[in-house]
Amino acid sequence: MMQEYRIIKDYFSKLSLDNKNSLYLNDDVFFDKSKKLIISVDSYIEKTHFLNFKYPNLVIKKIIRSSISDLICKGVKPKYYFISGAGNSKTFNKSNLKKISKSLEQEQKKFQIYLSGGDTIFSNKLSFTIITVGYSKNIIFRNNAKLNDDIYVTGNLGDSYMGLRILKKEISVNKYFKKYFLKKYYLPELYENLTKRLFKFANTSIDISDGLFTDLDKLINNQNLSYQINLTDVPISKHLRDLILLKKLKKIDFISKGDDYQILFTASKKKSRIVEKTFKTLGIKISKIGKICPGTQKTQIIDEKGNKIGIKNKGYFHKF
């Protein structure tokens, strides 16, 4: 069994060595600085990236938002998208297609993006591929964290995973909780108004798709650095906090599962005031959750009692 990063490193990264715009396949985007062109590609398959197609209008919104999130966290406003879908007469019936079309129209208006092409393929396995395009003379690169940087995250973590657990009927909740968490699962909140402002303070950034700790590892994977995270400071919603207490669950099991699409970034301590001022002005929640440490020091996660803890499952990994 091989993990995604190992497949890329062992078999494909060497093919990109003569193409600096590929960023050595170690970032989520292609960046041609001379043309100010940024491109990301994402694929989604039923039962892996979304549970089922019971709500096609919501599934397609989740897919679009998770795709354009790749550019937003780089400080780039997405402009165009291409979508290819593989399905059959059941999944792509007239009713579903109308719902998909309406949802895409709504997302286009919300994020000011434009459908620019795509493809349709017959398949008994439902899947979608999204290509997102944006323009900028700069991006915020991965692997550019600095020693002693503060680590920040936008919004709240864990709501989406709770929504997935509810969809799978692994956790039983009332209608009020169900409505809230399913909305968070299908409609991640993105901060497109933050894009250009990130350049004022962020040294490096990534969107949280595979989980807080998995994506933190990606953020510094080619640097001789580690990190310390204070679990108490990792933000969760009041709804999730209430449900964790009610069901006697563990916070760490929810914040590390991914699908949040919040922006995870680092910034110099000297920039703390501008970080706070920027987010206050925009009305966006921001939390400082830890710091970047020397590579000679082991990564540490500090729990609510001040104890160092380990995690068996850091997040989602693509395995083959």
C-alpha atoms as a PDB file:
ATOM      1  CA  MET A   1       0.000   0.000   0.000  1.00  0.00           C
ATOM      2  CA  MET A   2       1.376   3.416  -1.008  1.00  0.00           C
ATOM      3  CA  GLN A   3       0.375   6.924   0.008  1.00  0.00           C
ATOM      4  CA  GLU A   4      -0.269   9.729  -2.477  1.00  0.00           C
ATOM      5  CA  TYR A   5       2.812  11.777  -1.587  1.00  0.00           C
ATOM      6  CA  ARG A   6       5.079   8.748  -2.078  1.00  0.00           C
ATOM      7  CA  ILE A   7       3.609   8.000  -5.519  1.00  0.00           C
ATOM      8  CA  ILE A   8       4.149  11.613  -6.585  1.00  0.00           C
ATOM      9  CA  LYS A   9       7.678  11.755  -5.185  1.00  0.00           C
ATOM     10  CA  ASP A  10       8.861   8.388  -6.524  1.00  0.00           C
ATOM     11  CA  TYR A  11       7.222   8.364  -9.952  1.00  0.00           C
ATOM     12  CA  PHE A  12       6.171  11.820 -11.097  1.00  0.00           C
ATOM     13  CA  SER A  13       8.101  14.636  -9.402  1.00  0.00           C
ATOM     14  CA  LYS A  14      11.178  13.962 -11.566  1.00  0.00           C
ATOM     15  CA  LEU A  15       9.069  14.688 -14.659  1.00  0.00           C
ATOM     16  CA  SER A  16       8.542  18.250 -13.431  1.00  0.00           C
ATOM     17  CA  LEU A  17      12.172  19.133 -12.693  1.00  0.00           C
ATOM     18  CA  ASP A  18      12.557  21.153 -15.923  1.00  0.00           C
ATOM     19  CA  ASN A  19       9.318  23.007 -15.257  1.00  0.00           C
ATOM     20  CA  LYS A  20       9.697  25.372 -12.314  1.00  0.00           C
ATOM     21  CA  ASN A  21       6.080  26.477 -12.743  1.00  0.00           C
ATOM     22  CA  SER A  22       4.980  23.063 -11.458  1.00  0.00           C
ATOM     23  CA  LEU A  23       6.492  23.937  -8.055  1.00  0.00           C
ATOM     24  CA  TYR A  24       7.964  20.412  -8.139  1.00  0.00           C
ATOM     25  CA  LEU A  25       4.454  18.994  -7.592  1.00  0.00           C
ATOM     26  CA  ASN A  26       4.754  19.927  -3.925  1.00  0.00           C
ATOM     27  CA  ASP A  27       2.058  22.569  -3.841  1.00  0.00           C
ATOM     28  CA  ASP A  28      -1.622  22.539  -4.747  1.00  0.00           C
ATOM     29  CA  VAL A  29      -1.248  24.807  -7.773  1.00  0.00           C
ATOM     30  CA  PHE A  30       0.663  25.475 -10.995  1.00  0.00           C
ATOM     31  CA  PHE A  31       2.108  29.010 -11.081  1.00  0.00           C
ATOM     32  CA  ASP A  32       3.512  30.701 -14.168  1.00  0.00           C
ATOM     33  CA  LYS A  33       4.786  34.018 -12.820  1.00  0.00           C
ATOM     34  CA  SER A  34       5.535  35.474 -16.263  1.00  0.00           C
ATOM     35  CA  LYS A  35       1.922  34.975 -17.358  1.00  0.00           C
ATOM     36  CA  LYS A  36       0.492  35.607 -13.872  1.00  0.00           C
ATOM     37  CA  LEU A  37      -1.360  32.299 -14.293  1.00  0.00           C
ATOM     38  CA  ILE A  38      -2.421  29.952 -11.468  1.00  0.00           C
ATOM     39  CA  ILE A  39      -4.162  26.608 -12.043  1.00  0.00           C
ATOM     40  CA  SER A  40      -5.369  23.868  -9.713  1.00  0.00           C
ATOM     41  CA  VAL A  41      -6.873  20.453 -10.509  1.00  0.00           C
ATOM     42  CA  ASP A  42      -9.020  18.316  -8.212  1.00  0.00           C
ATOM     43  CA  SER A  43     -10.963  15.090  -8.683  1.00  0.00           C
ATOM     44  CA  TYR A  44     -13.850  13.841  -6.561  1.00  0.00           C
ATOM     45  CA  ILE A  45     -15.335  10.370  -6.505  1.00  0.00           C
ATOM     46  CA  GLU A  46     -18.501   9.107  -4.849  1.00  0.00           C
ATOM     47  CA  LYS A  47     -18.044   7.272  -1.531  1.00  0.00           C
ATOM     48  CA  THR A  48     -14.543   8.756  -1.183  1.00  0.00           C
ATOM     49  CA  HIS A  49     -14.947  12.526  -1.421  1.00  0.00           C
ATOM     50  CA  PHE A  50     -18.711  12.651  -0.944  1.00  0.00           C
ATOM     51  CA  LEU A  51     -20.877  10.011   0.643  1.00  0.00           C
ATOM     52  CA  ASN A  52     -23.595   9.733  -2.002  1.00  0.00           C
ATOM     53  CA  PHE A  53     -25.534  11.755  -4.573  1.00  0.00           C
ATOM     54  CA  LYS A  54     -28.763  12.100  -2.616  1.00  0.00           C
ATOM     55  CA  TYR A  55     -28.378  15.897  -2.695  1.00  0.00           C
ATOM     56  CA  PRO A  56     -26.717  16.722  -6.047  1.00  0.00           C
ATOM     57  CA  ASN A  57     -27.318  20.449  -5.545  1.00  0.00           C
ATOM     58  CA  LEU A  58     -25.263  20.378  -2.339  1.00  0.00           C
ATOM     59  CA  VAL A  59     -22.602  17.930  -3.517  1.00  0.00           C
ATOM     60  CA  ILE A  60     -21.728  20.106  -6.501  1.00  0.00           C
ATOM     61  CA  LYS A  61     -21.428  23.179  -4.274  1.00  0.00           C
ATOM     62  CA  LYS A  62     -19.104  21.333  -1.919  1.00  0.00           C
ATOM     63  CA  ILE A  63     -16.955  20.250  -4.875  1.00  0.00           C
ATOM     64  CA  ILE A  64     -16.733  23.761  -6.354  1.00  0.00           C
ATOM     65  CA  ARG A  65     -15.860  25.357  -3.007  1.00  0.00           C
ATOM     66  CA  SER A  66     -13.207  22.811  -2.117  1.00  0.00           C
ATOM     67  CA  SER A  67     -11.652  23.348  -5.563  1.00  0.00           C
ATOM     68  CA  ILE A  68     -11.494  27.143  -5.540  1.00  0.00           C
ATOM     69  CA  SER A  69     -10.216  26.974  -1.961  1.00  0.00           C
ATOM     70  CA  ASP A  70      -6.849  25.870  -3.389  1.00  0.00           C
ATOM     71  CA  LEU A  71      -6.429  29.287  -4.996  1.00  0.00           C
ATOM     72  CA  ILE A  72      -7.965  31.364  -2.217  1.00  0.00           C
ATOM     73  CA  CYS A  73      -5.473  30.079   0.360  1.00  0.00           C
ATOM     74  CA  LYS A  74      -2.650  31.061  -2.026  1.00  0.00           C
ATOM     75  CA  GLY A  75      -3.891  34.664  -2.012  1.00  0.00           C
ATOM     76  CA  VAL A  76      -5.460  34.328  -5.470  1.00  0.00           C
ATOM     77  CA  LYS A  77      -9.043  35.089  -6.478  1.00  0.00           C
ATOM     78  CA  PRO A  78     -10.380  32.294  -8.759  1.00  0.00           C
ATOM     79  CA  LYS A  79     -11.856  33.475 -12.051  1.00  0.00           C
ATOM     80  CA  TYR A  80     -12.576  30.508 -14.337  1.00  0.00           C
ATOM     81  CA  TYR A  81     -13.423  26.859 -13.770  1.00  0.00           C
ATOM     82  CA  PHE A  82     -13.776  23.769 -15.940  1.00  0.00           C
ATOM     83  CA  ILE A  83     -15.837  20.789 -14.847  1.00  0.00           C
ATOM     84  CA  SER A  84     -15.879  17.213 -16.133  1.00  0.00           C
ATOM     85  CA  GLY A  85     -18.353  14.650 -14.869  1.00  0.00           C
ATOM     86  CA  ALA A  86     -18.530  10.887 -15.204  1.00  0.00           C
ATOM     87  CA  GLY A  87     -21.921   9.337 -14.523  1.00  0.00           C
ATOM     88  CA  ASN A  88     -24.868   7.423 -15.954  1.00  0.00           C
ATOM     89  CA  SER A  89     -28.571   7.949 -16.717  1.00  0.00           C
ATOM     90  CA  LYS A  90     -29.430   7.549 -13.033  1.00  0.00           C
ATOM     91  CA  THR A  91     -26.986  10.070 -11.624  1.00  0.00           C
ATOM     92  CA  PHE A  92     -27.234  12.453 -14.586  1.00  0.00           C
ATOM     93  CA  ASN A  93     -31.009  12.379 -15.020  1.00  0.00           C
ATOM     94  CA  LYS A  94     -32.901  15.576 -15.949  1.00  0.00           C
ATOM     95  CA  SER A  95     -33.865  16.360 -12.370  1.00  0.00           C
ATOM     96  CA  ASN A  96     -30.285  16.075 -11.099  1.00  0.00           C
ATOM     97  CA  LEU A  97     -28.870  18.022 -14.030  1.00  0.00           C
ATOM     98  CA  LYS A  98     -31.270  20.902 -13.367  1.00  0.00           C
ATOM     99  CA  LYS A  99     -30.219  20.948  -9.711  1.00  0.00           C
ATOM    100  CA  ILE A 100     -26.531  20.868 -10.662  1.00  0.00           C
ATOM    101  CA  SER A 101     -26.975  23.687 -13.166  1.00  0.00           C
ATOM    102  CA  LYS A 102     -28.841  25.856 -10.680  1.00  0.00           C
ATOM    103  CA  SER A 103     -26.224  25.293  -7.969  1.00  0.00           C
ATOM    104  CA  LEU A 104     -23.388  26.148 -10.350  1.00  0.00           C
ATOM    105  CA  GLU A 105     -25.198  29.356 -11.283  1.00  0.00           C
ATOM    106  CA  GLN A 106     -25.516  30.268  -7.607  1.00  0.00           C
ATOM    107  CA  GLU A 107     -21.829  29.559  -6.928  1.00  0.00           C
ATOM    108  CA  GLN A 108     -20.809  31.601  -9.957  1.00  0.00           C
ATOM    109  CA  LYS A 109     -22.698  34.615  -8.629  1.00  0.00           C
ATOM    110  CA  LYS A 110     -21.409  34.157  -5.099  1.00  0.00           C
ATOM    111  CA  PHE A 111     -17.719  33.821  -5.998  1.00  0.00           C
ATOM    112  CA  GLN A 112     -17.703  35.675  -9.354  1.00  0.00           C
ATOM    113  CA  ILE A 113     -16.350  32.675 -11.248  1.00  0.00           C
ATOM    114  CA  TYR A 114     -17.224  31.554 -14.768  1.00  0.00           C
ATOM    115  CA  LEU A 115     -17.739  28.136 -16.324  1.00  0.00           C
ATOM    116  CA  SER A 116     -15.288  27.831 -19.218  1.00  0.00           C
ATOM    117  CA  GLY A 117     -15.477  24.242 -20.443  1.00  0.00           C
ATOM    118  CA  GLY A 118     -15.383  20.610 -19.417  1.00  0.00           C
ATOM    119  CA  ASP A 119     -16.456  17.143 -20.491  1.00  0.00           C
ATOM    120  CA  THR A 120     -19.049  14.460 -19.770  1.00  0.00           C
ATOM    121  CA  ILE A 121     -18.335  10.722 -19.732  1.00  0.00           C
ATOM    122  CA  PHE A 122     -20.567   7.690 -19.274  1.00  0.00           C
ATOM    123  CA  SER A 123     -19.576   5.662 -16.224  1.00  0.00           C
ATOM    124  CA  ASN A 124     -21.288   3.630 -13.535  1.00  0.00           C
ATOM    125  CA  LYS A 125     -18.892   5.241 -11.052  1.00  0.00           C
ATOM    126  CA  LEU A 126     -19.822   8.863 -10.322  1.00  0.00           C
ATOM    127  CA  SER A 127     -16.957  11.359 -10.288  1.00  0.00           C
ATOM    128  CA  PHE A 128     -16.111  14.978 -11.066  1.00  0.00           C
ATOM    129  CA  THR A 129     -12.894  16.785 -11.978  1.00  0.00           C
ATOM    130  CA  ILE A 130     -12.558  20.549 -11.523  1.00  0.00           C
ATOM    131  CA  ILE A 131      -9.876  22.802 -12.989  1.00  0.00           C
ATOM    132  CA  THR A 132      -9.719  26.260 -11.415  1.00  0.00           C
ATOM    133  CA  VAL A 133      -7.891  29.203 -12.993  1.00  0.00           C
ATOM    134  CA  GLY A 134      -6.854  32.537 -11.519  1.00  0.00           C
ATOM    135  CA  TYR A 135      -4.433  35.381 -12.249  1.00  0.00           C
ATOM    136  CA  SER A 136      -1.890  36.983  -9.945  1.00  0.00           C
ATOM    137  CA  LYS A 137       1.707  38.161 -10.084  1.00  0.00           C
ATOM    138  CA  ASN A 138       2.407  36.395  -6.776  1.00  0.00           C
ATOM    139  CA  ILE A 139       1.181  33.510  -4.650  1.00  0.00           C
ATOM    140  CA  ILE A 140       1.805  32.416  -1.076  1.00  0.00           C
ATOM    141  CA  PHE A 141       3.971  29.334  -1.404  1.00  0.00           C
ATOM    142  CA  ARG A 142       4.015  26.198   0.674  1.00  0.00           C
ATOM    143  CA  ASN A 143       7.248  25.350   2.577  1.00  0.00           C
ATOM    144  CA  ASN A 144       8.064  28.979   3.336  1.00  0.00           C
ATOM    145  CA  ALA A 145       7.475  28.930   7.103  1.00  0.00           C
ATOM    146  CA  LYS A 146      10.023  30.695   9.287  1.00  0.00           C
ATOM    147  CA  LEU A 147      11.375  29.575  12.647  1.00  0.00           C
ATOM    148  CA  ASN A 148       9.255  30.987  15.518  1.00  0.00           C
ATOM    149  CA  ASP A 149       6.388  31.907  13.182  1.00  0.00           C
ATOM    150  CA  ASP A 150       2.968  31.918  14.788  1.00  0.00           C
ATOM    151  CA  ILE A 151       0.478  29.416  13.345  1.00  0.00           C
ATOM    152  CA  TYR A 152      -3.016  30.688  12.580  1.00  0.00           C
ATOM    153  CA  VAL A 153      -6.252  29.182  11.315  1.00  0.00           C
ATOM    154  CA  THR A 154      -9.437  30.872  10.106  1.00  0.00           C
ATOM    155  CA  GLY A 155     -12.966  29.986  11.229  1.00  0.00           C
ATOM    156  CA  ASN A 156     -13.765  26.783  13.117  1.00  0.00           C
ATOM    157  CA  LEU A 157     -12.614  23.205  12.638  1.00  0.00           C
ATOM    158  CA  GLY A 158     -14.491  19.937  13.032  1.00  0.00           C
ATOM    159  CA  ASP A 159     -18.030  20.876  12.031  1.00  0.00           C
ATOM    160  CA  SER A 160     -17.714  19.206   8.636  1.00  0.00           C
ATOM    161  CA  TYR A 161     -16.532  15.912  10.094  1.00  0.00           C
ATOM    162  CA  MET A 162     -19.402  15.946  12.558  1.00  0.00           C
ATOM    163  CA  GLY A 163     -21.725  16.443   9.580  1.00  0.00           C
ATOM    164  CA  LEU A 164     -20.198  13.394   7.889  1.00  0.00           C
ATOM    165  CA  ARG A 165     -20.615  11.288  11.036  1.00  0.00           C
ATOM    166  CA  ILE A 166     -24.267  12.333  11.181  1.00  0.00           C
ATOM    167  CA  LEU A 167     -24.782  11.502   7.493  1.00  0.00           C
ATOM    168  CA  LYS A 168     -23.296   8.065   8.108  1.00  0.00           C
ATOM    169  CA  LYS A 169     -25.711   7.681  11.036  1.00  0.00           C
ATOM    170  CA  GLU A 170     -22.794   7.074  13.379  1.00  0.00           C
ATOM    171  CA  ILE A 171     -24.009   9.861  15.670  1.00  0.00           C
ATOM    172  CA  SER A 172     -27.664  10.527  16.419  1.00  0.00           C
ATOM    173  CA  VAL A 173     -28.717  14.161  16.901  1.00  0.00           C
ATOM    174  CA  ASN A 174     -31.889  16.274  16.895  1.00  0.00           C
ATOM    175  CA  LYS A 175     -33.101  18.211  13.832  1.00  0.00           C
ATOM    176  CA  TYR A 176     -31.479  21.443  15.003  1.00  0.00           C
ATOM    177  CA  PHE A 177     -27.987  19.935  15.216  1.00  0.00           C
ATOM    178  CA  LYS A 178     -28.492  17.937  12.029  1.00  0.00           C
ATOM    179  CA  LYS A 179     -29.396  21.013   9.990  1.00  0.00           C
ATOM    180  CA  TYR A 180     -26.406  22.967  11.308  1.00  0.00           C
ATOM    181  CA  PHE A 181     -23.754  20.267  10.788  1.00  0.00           C
ATOM    182  CA  LEU A 182     -24.993  19.104   7.385  1.00  0.00           C
ATOM    183  CA  LYS A 183     -24.802  22.699   6.183  1.00  0.00           C
ATOM    184  CA  LYS A 184     -21.207  22.904   7.410  1.00  0.00           C
ATOM    185  CA  TYR A 185     -20.370  19.625   5.668  1.00  0.00           C
ATOM    186  CA  TYR A 186     -21.821  20.581   2.289  1.00  0.00           C
ATOM    187  CA  LEU A 187     -21.158  24.331   2.283  1.00  0.00           C
ATOM    188  CA  PRO A 188     -17.691  25.170   3.627  1.00  0.00           C
ATOM    189  CA  GLU A 189     -17.237  28.874   4.284  1.00  0.00           C
ATOM    190  CA  LEU A 190     -14.590  30.498   2.102  1.00  0.00           C
ATOM    191  CA  TYR A 191     -13.017  33.947   2.509  1.00  0.00           C
ATOM    192  CA  GLU A 192     -12.429  35.227  -1.027  1.00  0.00           C
ATOM    193  CA  ASN A 193     -12.316  38.823   0.325  1.00  0.00           C
ATOM    194  CA  LEU A 194      -9.161  37.865   2.219  1.00  0.00           C
ATOM    195  CA  THR A 195      -7.073  36.816  -0.791  1.00  0.00           C
ATOM    196  CA  LYS A 196      -4.931  39.885  -1.525  1.00  0.00           C
ATOM    197  CA  ARG A 197      -4.601  40.782   2.159  1.00  0.00           C
ATOM    198  CA  LEU A 198      -2.874  37.513   2.977  1.00  0.00           C
ATOM    199  CA  PHE A 199       0.278  38.812   1.271  1.00  0.00           C
ATOM    200  CA  LYS A 200       0.658  41.447   3.994  1.00  0.00           C
ATOM    201  CA  PHE A 201       1.528  38.894   6.660  1.00  0.00           C
ATOM    202  CA  ALA A 202       1.381  35.204   5.620  1.00  0.00           C
ATOM    203  CA  ASN A 203       4.744  33.497   5.037  1.00  0.00           C
ATOM    204  CA  THR A 204       3.154  30.226   3.945  1.00  0.00           C
ATOM    205  CA  SER A 205      -0.375  28.846   3.681  1.00  0.00           C
ATOM    206  CA  ILE A 206      -2.563  25.869   2.817  1.00  0.00           C
ATOM    207  CA  ASP A 207      -6.260  25.052   3.000  1.00  0.00           C
ATOM    208  CA  ILE A 208      -7.312  22.379   5.469  1.00  0.00           C
ATOM    209  CA  SER A 209      -8.646  19.579   3.309  1.00  0.00           C
ATOM    210  CA  ASP A 210      -7.074  16.426   4.765  1.00  0.00           C
ATOM    211  CA  GLY A 211      -6.937  17.509   8.412  1.00  0.00           C
ATOM    212  CA  LEU A 212      -5.165  20.043  10.627  1.00  0.00           C
ATOM    213  CA  PHE A 213      -2.111  17.945  11.457  1.00  0.00           C
ATOM    214  CA  THR A 214      -1.795  16.264   8.051  1.00  0.00           C
ATOM    215  CA  ASP A 215      -1.881  19.646   6.335  1.00  0.00           C
ATOM    216  CA  LEU A 216       0.523  21.174   8.858  1.00  0.00           C
ATOM    217  CA  ASP A 217       2.957  18.399   7.961  1.00  0.00           C
ATOM    218  CA  LYS A 218       2.533  19.257   4.264  1.00  0.00           C
ATOM    219  CA  LEU A 219       3.104  22.925   5.007  1.00  0.00           C
ATOM    220  CA  ILE A 220       6.663  22.253   6.229  1.00  0.00           C
ATOM    221  CA  ASN A 221       7.417  18.877   4.617  1.00  0.00           C
ATOM    222  CA  ASN A 222      10.615  20.037   2.885  1.00  0.00           C
ATOM    223  CA  GLN A 223      11.855  22.199   5.738  1.00  0.00           C
ATOM    224  CA  ASN A 224      13.902  21.316   8.782  1.00  0.00           C
ATOM    225  CA  LEU A 225      11.164  22.506  11.094  1.00  0.00           C
ATOM    226  CA  SER A 226       8.538  21.159  13.476  1.00  0.00           C
ATOM    227  CA  TYR A 227       5.547  22.699  15.234  1.00  0.00           C
ATOM    228  CA  GLN A 228       3.792  22.995  18.566  1.00  0.00           C
ATOM    229  CA  ILE A 229       0.001  23.136  18.668  1.00  0.00           C
ATOM    230  CA  ASN A 230      -2.042  24.057  21.723  1.00  0.00           C
ATOM    231  CA  LEU A 231      -5.231  22.016  21.520  1.00  0.00           C
ATOM    232  CA  THR A 232      -7.085  24.494  23.726  1.00  0.00           C
ATOM    233  CA  ASP A 233      -6.535  27.237  21.127  1.00  0.00           C
ATOM    234  CA  VAL A 234      -7.801  25.234  18.148  1.00  0.00           C
ATOM    235  CA  PRO A 235     -11.187  26.843  17.385  1.00  0.00           C
ATOM    236  CA  ILE A 236     -14.440  24.885  17.324  1.00  0.00           C
ATOM    237  CA  SER A 237     -18.016  26.115  17.139  1.00  0.00           C
ATOM    238  CA  LYS A 238     -20.307  26.304  20.141  1.00  0.00           C
ATOM    239  CA  HIS A 239     -22.492  23.668  18.465  1.00  0.00           C
ATOM    240  CA  LEU A 240     -19.606  21.227  18.198  1.00  0.00           C
ATOM    241  CA  ARG A 241     -18.449  21.962  21.745  1.00  0.00           C
ATOM    242  CA  ASP A 242     -21.950  21.313  23.075  1.00  0.00           C
ATOM    243  CA  LEU A 243     -22.288  18.057  21.143  1.00  0.00           C
ATOM    244  CA  ILE A 244     -18.844  16.829  22.212  1.00  0.00           C
ATOM    245  CA  LEU A 245     -19.828  17.332  25.851  1.00  0.00           C
ATOM    246  CA  LEU A 246     -23.262  15.800  25.341  1.00  0.00           C
ATOM    247  CA  LYS A 247     -21.966  12.691  23.542  1.00  0.00           C
ATOM    248  CA  LYS A 248     -18.737  12.440  25.588  1.00  0.00           C
ATOM    249  CA  LEU A 249     -16.549  12.685  22.490  1.00  0.00           C
ATOM    250  CA  LYS A 250     -12.987  13.986  22.015  1.00  0.00           C
ATOM    251  CA  LYS A 251     -12.219  17.328  20.411  1.00  0.00           C
ATOM    252  CA  ILE A 252      -9.028  16.062  18.786  1.00  0.00           C
ATOM    253  CA  ASP A 253     -10.978  13.391  16.886  1.00  0.00           C
ATOM    254  CA  PHE A 254     -12.921  16.094  15.033  1.00  0.00           C
ATOM    255  CA  ILE A 255     -10.396  18.850  14.377  1.00  0.00           C
ATOM    256  CA  SER A 256      -7.986  16.462  12.652  1.00  0.00           C
ATOM    257  CA  LYS A 257     -10.294  14.842  10.080  1.00  0.00           C
ATOM    258  CA  GLY A 258     -10.309  17.468   7.339  1.00  0.00           C
ATOM    259  CA  ASP A 259     -12.911  18.808   4.899  1.00  0.00           C
ATOM    260  CA  ASP A 260     -12.891  22.157   6.726  1.00  0.00           C
ATOM    261  CA  TYR A 261     -11.296  24.224   3.917  1.00  0.00           C
ATOM    262  CA  GLN A 262     -10.243  26.876   6.391  1.00  0.00           C
ATOM    263  CA  ILE A 263      -6.970  28.710   5.731  1.00  0.00           C
ATOM    264  CA  LEU A 264      -3.971  27.549   7.734  1.00  0.00           C
ATOM    265  CA  PHE A 265      -1.022  29.944   7.618  1.00  0.00           C
ATOM    266  CA  THR A 266       2.058  31.126   9.469  1.00  0.00           C
ATOM    267  CA  ALA A 267       3.197  34.679  10.132  1.00  0.00           C
ATOM    268  CA  SER A 268       6.035  36.399  11.953  1.00  0.00           C
ATOM    269  CA  LYS A 269       5.310  37.435  15.524  1.00  0.00           C
ATOM    270  CA  LYS A 270       6.047  40.992  14.394  1.00  0.00           C
ATOM    271  CA  LYS A 271       2.968  40.810  12.171  1.00  0.00           C
ATOM    272  CA  SER A 272       0.541  39.784  14.940  1.00  0.00           C
ATOM    273  CA  ARG A 273      -1.080  43.221  15.134  1.00  0.00           C
ATOM    274  CA  ILE A 274      -1.689  43.504  11.401  1.00  0.00           C
ATOM    275  CA  VAL A 275      -3.084  39.948  11.394  1.00  0.00           C
ATOM    276  CA  GLU A 276      -5.557  40.790  14.155  1.00  0.00           C
ATOM    277  CA  LYS A 277      -6.499  44.136  12.618  1.00  0.00           C
ATOM    278  CA  THR A 278      -7.060  42.639   9.154  1.00  0.00           C
ATOM    279  CA  PHE A 279      -9.355  39.900  10.375  1.00  0.00           C
ATOM    280  CA  LYS A 280     -11.241  42.232  12.696  1.00  0.00           C
ATOM    281  CA  THR A 281     -11.834  44.648   9.826  1.00  0.00           C
ATOM    282  CA  LEU A 282     -13.139  41.854   7.593  1.00  0.00           C
ATOM    283  CA  GLY A 283     -15.193  40.271  10.368  1.00  0.00           C
ATOM    284  CA  ILE A 284     -13.453  36.904   9.963  1.00  0.00           C
ATOM    285  CA  LYS A 285     -12.643  34.704  12.935  1.00  0.00           C
ATOM    286  CA  ILE A 286      -8.918  34.047  13.377  1.00  0.00           C
ATOM    287  CA  SER A 287      -7.129  31.932  15.996  1.00  0.00           C
ATOM    288  CA  LYS A 288      -3.453  31.627  16.866  1.00  0.00           C
ATOM    289  CA  ILE A 289      -3.004  27.932  17.632  1.00  0.00           C
ATOM    290  CA  GLY A 290       0.726  27.355  17.944  1.00  0.00           C
ATOM    291  CA  LYS A 291       4.183  28.111  16.625  1.00  0.00           C
ATOM    292  CA  ILE A 292       6.867  26.837  14.257  1.00  0.00           C
ATOM    293  CA  CYS A 293       9.789  25.156  16.061  1.00  0.00           C
ATOM    294  CA  PRO A 294      13.279  23.909  15.120  1.00  0.00           C
ATOM    295  CA  GLY A 295      13.548  20.612  13.259  1.00  0.00           C
ATOM    296  CA  THR A 296      15.700  19.277  16.081  1.00  0.00           C
ATOM    297  CA  GLN A 297      12.618  19.394  18.293  1.00  0.00           C
ATOM    298  CA  LYS A 298       9.819  16.874  17.916  1.00  0.00           C
ATOM    299  CA  THR A 299       6.404  18.117  16.885  1.00  0.00           C
ATOM    300  CA  GLN A 300       4.270  18.611  19.989  1.00  0.00           C
ATOM    301  CA  ILE A 301       0.546  18.723  20.591  1.00  0.00           C
ATOM    302  CA  ILE A 302      -0.333  20.126  24.008  1.00  0.00           C
ATOM    303  CA  ASP A 303      -3.712  19.159  25.476  1.00  0.00           C
ATOM    304  CA  GLU A 304      -6.016  21.185  27.739  1.00  0.00           C
ATOM    305  CA  LYS A 305      -4.093  20.062  30.840  1.00  0.00           C
ATOM    306  CA  GLY A 306      -0.714  21.041  29.431  1.00  0.00           C
ATOM    307  CA  ASN A 307       0.319  17.465  28.647  1.00  0.00           C
ATOM    308  CA  LYS A 308       2.060  16.417  25.453  1.00  0.00           C
ATOM    309  CA  ILE A 309      -0.095  13.976  23.526  1.00  0.00           C
ATOM    310  CA  GLY A 310       0.230  11.894  20.390  1.00  0.00           C
ATOM    311  CA  ILE A 311      -2.331  11.140  17.715  1.00  0.00           C
ATOM    312  CA  LYS A 312      -2.749   7.786  16.028  1.00  0.00           C
ATOM    313  CA  ASN A 313      -4.600   9.220  13.025  1.00  0.00           C
ATOM    314  CA  LYS A 314      -3.396  12.647  11.900  1.00  0.00           C
ATOM    315  CA  GLY A 315      -6.028  12.987   9.188  1.00  0.00           C
ATOM    316  CA  TYR A 316      -7.017  11.685   5.771  1.00  0.00           C
ATOM    317  CA  PHE A 317      -4.466  10.000   3.513  1.00  0.00           C
ATOM    318  CA  HIS A 318      -4.982   8.817  -0.057  1.00  0.00           C
ATOM    319  CA  LYS A 319      -3.806   5.203  -0.074  1.00  0.00           C
ATOM    320  CA  PHE A 320      -3.288   2.955  -3.095  1.00  0.00           C
END
